[in-house]
Amino acid sequence: MKTCINNVELLGMVGCVNSNSDIIHFSLVTNRMYNSYDNEAVIETTWHHCTVPKKVIDENKLQIFKGQYLHLKGFIQNVRYEHADGTSSFETQIVVTDLKEV
């Protein structure tokens, strides 16, 4: 059996931040720049939903706030939510295992 790898490394700016007692949820925006076929510059913006346990924050002695630039490492996890009306939705999250301010 072959080994599979699920690693993510992102450098971006924090959007909104929500926290509860054990976990902090925040959005992180990243940009990718490339040239189109017409040789025009294109900037592609992507928002990532990130989840970090407070112990990772405490280990790195950080506070997360809007507008902050972060370099993070983690893995991708798909989460299913059940809504009150009986419908469900899926969200792809980045579970953060290492975090540094840039």
C-alpha atoms as a PDB file:
ATOM      1  CA  MET A   1       0.000   0.000   0.000  1.00  0.00           C
ATOM      2  CA  LYS A   2       1.314   3.437  -0.917  1.00  0.00           C
ATOM      3  CA  THR A   3       1.566   6.229   1.631  1.00  0.00           C
ATOM      4  CA  CYS A   4      -0.719   9.234   1.174  1.00  0.00           C
ATOM      5  CA  ILE A   5       0.155  12.747   2.307  1.00  0.00           C
ATOM      6  CA  ASN A   6      -2.258  15.417   3.521  1.00  0.00           C
ATOM      7  CA  ASN A   7      -0.178  18.548   4.197  1.00  0.00           C
ATOM      8  CA  VAL A   8      -1.014  22.212   3.680  1.00  0.00           C
ATOM      9  CA  GLU A   9       1.235  25.250   3.990  1.00  0.00           C
ATOM     10  CA  LEU A  10      -0.277  28.722   3.579  1.00  0.00           C
ATOM     11  CA  LEU A  11       0.889  32.310   3.898  1.00  0.00           C
ATOM     12  CA  GLY A  12      -1.925  34.832   4.008  1.00  0.00           C
ATOM     13  CA  MET A  13      -3.909  37.493   5.829  1.00  0.00           C
ATOM     14  CA  VAL A  14      -6.533  36.793   8.503  1.00  0.00           C
ATOM     15  CA  GLY A  15     -10.140  37.788   7.839  1.00  0.00           C
ATOM     16  CA  CYS A  16     -12.801  37.222  10.487  1.00  0.00           C
ATOM     17  CA  VAL A  17     -12.015  35.417  13.761  1.00  0.00           C
ATOM     18  CA  ASN A  18     -14.407  33.413  15.974  1.00  0.00           C
ATOM     19  CA  SER A  19     -13.359  31.584  19.106  1.00  0.00           C
ATOM     20  CA  ASN A  20     -14.850  29.329  21.730  1.00  0.00           C
ATOM     21  CA  SER A  21     -13.222  27.730  24.759  1.00  0.00           C
ATOM     22  CA  ASP A  22     -11.006  25.205  22.958  1.00  0.00           C
ATOM     23  CA  ILE A  23     -10.892  26.096  19.258  1.00  0.00           C
ATOM     24  CA  ILE A  24     -10.406  29.245  17.196  1.00  0.00           C
ATOM     25  CA  HIS A  25     -11.970  29.477  13.729  1.00  0.00           C
ATOM     26  CA  PHE A  26     -10.715  32.094  11.285  1.00  0.00           C
ATOM     27  CA  SER A  27     -10.623  32.786   7.586  1.00  0.00           C
ATOM     28  CA  LEU A  28      -7.350  33.259   5.732  1.00  0.00           C
ATOM     29  CA  VAL A  29      -7.064  34.890   2.316  1.00  0.00           C
ATOM     30  CA  THR A  30      -4.334  33.972  -0.158  1.00  0.00           C
ATOM     31  CA  ASN A  31      -3.547  35.348  -3.620  1.00  0.00           C
ATOM     32  CA  ARG A  32      -2.039  33.641  -6.632  1.00  0.00           C
ATOM     33  CA  MET A  33      -0.721  35.697  -9.506  1.00  0.00           C
ATOM     34  CA  TYR A  34      -0.185  34.430 -13.040  1.00  0.00           C
ATOM     35  CA  ASN A  35      -0.321  35.620 -16.653  1.00  0.00           C
ATOM     36  CA  SER A  36      -3.313  34.713 -18.834  1.00  0.00           C
ATOM     37  CA  TYR A  37      -3.060  33.503 -22.424  1.00  0.00           C
ATOM     38  CA  ASP A  38      -3.315  37.156 -23.461  1.00  0.00           C
ATOM     39  CA  ASN A  39      -0.263  37.844 -21.259  1.00  0.00           C
ATOM     40  CA  GLU A  40      -2.317  39.922 -18.831  1.00  0.00           C
ATOM     41  CA  ALA A  41      -1.691  39.688 -15.100  1.00  0.00           C
ATOM     42  CA  VAL A  42      -4.409  37.797 -13.206  1.00  0.00           C
ATOM     43  CA  ILE A  43      -4.786  37.731  -9.421  1.00  0.00           C
ATOM     44  CA  GLU A  44      -6.782  34.797  -8.064  1.00  0.00           C
ATOM     45  CA  THR A  45      -8.011  35.246  -4.474  1.00  0.00           C
ATOM     46  CA  THR A  46      -8.969  32.250  -2.318  1.00  0.00           C
ATOM     47  CA  TRP A  47     -10.519  32.229   1.164  1.00  0.00           C
ATOM     48  CA  HIS A  48      -9.658  29.301   3.438  1.00  0.00           C
ATOM     49  CA  HIS A  49     -11.598  28.236   6.537  1.00  0.00           C
ATOM     50  CA  CYS A  50      -9.048  27.471   9.263  1.00  0.00           C
ATOM     51  CA  THR A  51      -9.431  25.805  12.653  1.00  0.00           C
ATOM     52  CA  VAL A  52      -6.723  25.876  15.312  1.00  0.00           C
ATOM     53  CA  PRO A  53      -6.761  24.387  18.821  1.00  0.00           C
ATOM     54  CA  LYS A  54      -5.985  26.959  21.511  1.00  0.00           C
ATOM     55  CA  LYS A  55      -3.019  24.862  22.684  1.00  0.00           C
ATOM     56  CA  VAL A  56      -1.283  25.574  19.332  1.00  0.00           C
ATOM     57  CA  ILE A  57      -1.902  29.306  19.899  1.00  0.00           C
ATOM     58  CA  ASP A  58      -0.590  29.075  23.468  1.00  0.00           C
ATOM     59  CA  GLU A  59       2.518  27.111  22.404  1.00  0.00           C
ATOM     60  CA  ASN A  60       3.404  29.813  19.861  1.00  0.00           C
ATOM     61  CA  LYS A  61       2.398  32.689  22.184  1.00  0.00           C
ATOM     62  CA  LEU A  62       0.166  34.282  19.552  1.00  0.00           C
ATOM     63  CA  GLN A  63      -3.072  36.191  19.357  1.00  0.00           C
ATOM     64  CA  ILE A  64      -5.020  35.969  16.107  1.00  0.00           C
ATOM     65  CA  PHE A  65      -6.637  39.160  14.854  1.00  0.00           C
ATOM     66  CA  LYS A  66      -8.081  40.520  11.604  1.00  0.00           C
ATOM     67  CA  GLY A  67      -5.463  41.851   9.167  1.00  0.00           C
ATOM     68  CA  GLN A  68      -2.615  39.798  10.642  1.00  0.00           C
ATOM     69  CA  TYR A  69      -0.256  37.950   8.261  1.00  0.00           C
ATOM     70  CA  LEU A  70       0.222  34.305   9.226  1.00  0.00           C
ATOM     71  CA  HIS A  71       2.289  31.392   7.983  1.00  0.00           C
ATOM     72  CA  LEU A  72       0.591  28.132   8.892  1.00  0.00           C
ATOM     73  CA  LYS A  73       0.975  24.412   8.394  1.00  0.00           C
ATOM     74  CA  GLY A  74      -1.734  21.834   8.795  1.00  0.00           C
ATOM     75  CA  PHE A  75      -3.957  19.358   6.977  1.00  0.00           C
ATOM     76  CA  ILE A  76      -7.226  19.358   5.038  1.00  0.00           C
ATOM     77  CA  GLN A  77     -10.386  18.051   6.676  1.00  0.00           C
ATOM     78  CA  ASN A  78     -13.929  17.904   5.297  1.00  0.00           C
ATOM     79  CA  VAL A  79     -16.668  18.634   7.854  1.00  0.00           C
ATOM     80  CA  ARG A  80     -20.380  17.915   7.494  1.00  0.00           C
ATOM     81  CA  TYR A  81     -22.916  20.190   9.175  1.00  0.00           C
ATOM     82  CA  GLU A  82     -26.557  19.377   9.909  1.00  0.00           C
ATOM     83  CA  HIS A  83     -28.856  22.419   9.765  1.00  0.00           C
ATOM     84  CA  ALA A  84     -32.023  22.919  11.805  1.00  0.00           C
ATOM     85  CA  ASP A  85     -34.170  22.436   8.694  1.00  0.00           C
ATOM     86  CA  GLY A  86     -32.723  18.940   8.150  1.00  0.00           C
ATOM     87  CA  THR A  87     -30.393  19.831   5.290  1.00  0.00           C
ATOM     88  CA  SER A  88     -26.693  19.235   5.472  1.00  0.00           C
ATOM     89  CA  SER A  89     -23.697  21.014   4.015  1.00  0.00           C
ATOM     90  CA  PHE A  90     -20.000  20.320   3.732  1.00  0.00           C
ATOM     91  CA  GLU A  91     -17.060  22.592   4.401  1.00  0.00           C
ATOM     92  CA  THR A  92     -13.394  22.046   3.673  1.00  0.00           C
ATOM     93  CA  GLN A  93     -11.267  23.251   6.585  1.00  0.00           C
ATOM     94  CA  ILE A  94      -7.574  23.631   7.210  1.00  0.00           C
ATOM     95  CA  VAL A  95      -6.749  22.169  10.630  1.00  0.00           C
ATOM     96  CA  VAL A  96      -3.699  24.123  11.816  1.00  0.00           C
ATOM     97  CA  THR A  97      -0.847  22.267  13.515  1.00  0.00           C
ATOM     98  CA  ASP A  98       1.841  24.981  13.377  1.00  0.00           C
ATOM     99  CA  LEU A  99       1.438  28.749  13.238  1.00  0.00           C
ATOM    100  CA  LYS A 100       3.771  31.763  12.997  1.00  0.00           C
ATOM    101  CA  GLU A 101       3.195  35.477  12.581  1.00  0.00           C
ATOM    102  CA  VAL A 102       4.934  37.046   9.570  1.00  0.00           C
END
